[in-house]
Amino acid sequence: MNIQYQTEKTCAHLIDIQIDGDIVTGVRFTGGCSGNAQGVSALAKNRPVCEVVELLRGIDCGGKGTSCPDQLARALQKEAVGSIC
């Protein structure tokens, strides 16, 4: 499954996510801080969707009420969790 998610309130404006079964196989952020995006992507890769959501949901950046990691969790929760978790 491939997901393209438009983010809100973050420097990154799009997240491309690849899922195989219940495993996140790839994540690519468009925009935002390259180093942080690469780090979050590497940490999410090859982990179960539900684990990634649990780890990243609710992380805040600068008092915005969300962050790039939180937006990844929200994308997974919106598009994949209902059918997996």
Protein backbone atom coordinates (compact mmCIF):
# COMPACT_ATOMS: atom_id res chain seq x y z
CA MET A 1 0.00 0.00 0.00
CA ASN A 2 1.26 3.46 -0.85
CA ILE A 3 0.02 6.51 1.04
CA GLN A 4 0.57 10.18 0.20
CA TYR A 5 -0.34 12.39 3.13
CA GLN A 6 -0.56 16.20 3.10
CA THR A 7 0.76 17.40 6.45
CA GLU A 8 -0.58 20.26 8.56
CA LYS A 9 1.36 22.80 10.67
CA THR A 10 4.79 21.33 9.84
CA CYS A 11 7.74 22.34 7.69
CA ALA A 12 7.37 19.14 5.69
CA HIS A 13 4.32 19.36 3.45
CA LEU A 14 3.98 15.79 2.16
CA ILE A 15 4.79 12.31 3.42
CA ASP A 16 5.05 9.31 1.08
CA ILE A 17 4.63 6.04 2.98
CA GLN A 18 4.98 2.47 1.77
CA ILE A 19 3.40 -0.37 3.74
CA ASP A 20 3.63 -4.10 3.07
CA GLY A 21 1.06 -5.99 5.13
CA ASP A 22 1.43 -4.44 8.58
CA ILE A 23 5.04 -3.28 8.13
CA VAL A 24 6.20 0.22 7.18
CA THR A 25 8.71 -0.40 4.40
CA GLY A 26 9.52 3.19 3.46
CA VAL A 27 8.88 6.81 4.42
CA ARG A 28 9.89 9.95 2.54
CA PHE A 29 9.19 13.49 3.72
CA THR A 30 8.99 16.36 1.22
CA GLY A 31 10.15 19.60 2.80
CA GLY A 32 11.21 20.15 6.37
CA CYS A 33 14.52 19.38 8.01
CA SER A 34 16.34 16.79 5.91
CA GLY A 35 18.31 15.29 8.80
CA ASN A 36 15.31 14.85 11.07
CA ALA A 37 13.17 13.51 8.23
CA GLN A 38 15.84 10.97 7.31
CA GLY A 39 16.17 9.94 10.96
CA VAL A 40 12.43 9.46 11.48
CA SER A 41 12.20 7.59 8.18
CA ALA A 42 15.04 5.24 9.11
CA LEU A 43 13.56 4.54 12.54
CA ALA A 44 10.09 3.81 11.12
CA LYS A 45 11.36 1.50 8.36
CA ASN A 46 10.68 -2.21 8.87
CA ARG A 47 8.58 -1.64 11.98
CA PRO A 48 4.94 -2.60 12.45
CA VAL A 49 2.49 0.20 11.64
CA CYS A 50 0.92 0.06 15.11
CA GLU A 51 4.33 0.36 16.78
CA VAL A 52 5.24 3.43 14.72
CA VAL A 53 1.91 5.08 15.59
CA GLU A 54 2.39 4.32 19.29
CA LEU A 55 5.94 5.70 19.32
CA LEU A 56 5.35 8.90 17.34
CA ARG A 57 1.78 10.00 18.09
CA GLY A 58 1.63 13.21 20.09
CA ILE A 59 5.20 14.45 19.61
CA ASP A 60 5.07 18.26 19.54
CA CYS A 61 7.38 20.67 17.72
CA GLY A 62 7.60 24.24 18.98
CA GLY A 63 4.15 24.31 20.56
CA LYS A 64 2.37 23.64 17.25
CA GLY A 65 0.43 20.70 18.67
CA THR A 66 2.02 18.41 16.10
CA SER A 67 5.34 17.60 14.41
CA CYS A 68 6.64 15.69 11.42
CA PRO A 69 6.79 12.45 13.46
CA ASP A 70 3.26 13.08 14.77
CA GLN A 71 2.03 13.74 11.22
CA LEU A 72 3.50 10.37 10.16
CA ALA A 73 1.62 8.70 13.02
CA ARG A 74 -1.59 10.51 12.05
CA ALA A 75 -1.19 9.47 8.41
CA LEU A 76 -0.74 5.84 9.41
CA GLN A 77 -3.62 6.02 11.85
CA LYS A 78 -5.94 7.58 9.28
CA GLU A 79 -5.03 5.41 6.30
CA ALA A 80 -3.81 2.07 7.66
CA VAL A 81 -4.52 1.40 11.32
CA GLY A 82 -8.19 0.55 10.96
CA SER A 83 -7.37 -2.37 8.73
CA ILE A 84 -4.23 -3.50 10.62
CA CYS A 85 -4.43 -2.80 14.38
